[in-house]
Protein backbone atom coordinates (compact mmCIF):
# COMPACT_ATOMS: atom_id res chain seq x y z
CA MET A 1 -16.03 43.65 -3.23
CA SER A 2 -15.69 41.99 0.17
CA GLU A 3 -18.35 40.25 2.19
CA ILE A 4 -19.51 42.03 5.35
CA LYS A 5 -18.62 39.89 8.33
CA GLU A 6 -21.09 40.66 11.10
CA CYS A 7 -22.46 38.82 14.09
CA LEU A 8 -25.82 37.25 13.27
CA VAL A 9 -27.11 38.32 16.71
CA CYS A 10 -25.92 41.88 17.33
CA LYS A 11 -24.79 42.83 13.81
CA THR A 12 -21.42 44.05 15.11
CA THR A 13 -18.90 43.83 12.28
CA SER A 14 -15.40 42.43 12.21
CA ASN A 15 -14.18 46.03 12.04
CA ASP A 16 -15.40 46.52 15.62
CA THR A 17 -14.92 43.14 17.32
CA PRO A 18 -13.55 39.71 16.48
CA VAL A 19 -16.09 37.44 14.80
CA THR A 20 -15.89 33.72 14.10
CA LYS A 21 -17.20 32.02 10.99
CA PHE A 22 -19.19 28.80 11.41
CA TYR A 23 -21.00 26.52 9.00
CA TYR A 24 -24.54 25.21 9.36
CA LYS A 25 -27.10 23.86 6.88
CA ASN A 26 -24.72 24.28 3.91
CA SER A 27 -24.32 28.00 4.69
CA HIS A 28 -21.88 30.07 6.70
CA PHE A 29 -22.55 32.59 9.43
CA TYR A 30 -20.53 34.84 11.70
CA ILE A 31 -20.88 35.25 15.44
CA CYS A 32 -18.98 37.47 17.88
CA SER A 33 -17.29 36.19 21.01
CA GLN A 34 -20.00 37.68 23.21
CA HIS A 35 -22.68 35.55 21.53
CA ILE A 36 -20.83 32.23 21.12
CA PRO A 37 -22.24 31.10 24.51
CA VAL A 38 -25.76 31.70 23.14
CA LEU A 39 -25.01 29.42 20.20
CA ILE A 40 -23.65 26.73 22.54
CA HIS A 41 -25.98 26.93 25.54
CA ASN A 42 -29.18 28.66 24.37
CA PRO A 43 -29.59 28.13 20.62
CA HIS A 44 -33.36 28.61 20.93
CA GLU A 45 -32.58 32.34 21.36
CA LEU A 46 -31.38 32.31 17.73
CA VAL A 47 -34.80 31.40 16.29
CA GLY A 48 -35.44 33.75 13.39
CA MET A 49 -31.72 34.41 12.95
CA LEU A 50 -30.43 30.88 12.30
CA PRO A 51 -32.39 28.31 10.28
CA ASP A 52 -33.88 25.52 12.42
CA ALA A 53 -32.33 26.96 15.59
CA ASP A 54 -35.28 25.53 17.51
CA LYS A 55 -34.07 22.02 16.56
CA LEU A 56 -30.55 22.47 17.98
CA PRO A 57 -29.87 20.74 21.30
CA LYS A 58 -29.18 22.90 24.33
CA GLY A 59 -25.62 22.70 25.61
């Protein structure tokens, strides 16, 4: 059984678009290339999707 690799924002899977794995708070998450800028520049938009996203500094 394989783990589903999907963007935490748009839920697009790695079968449809490239996704990147990243680690945060002792867990791992996937994000697609379209939403990497959100993670870097506007992490507050990830509140409810990523733990403590409201505490991440804006890029």
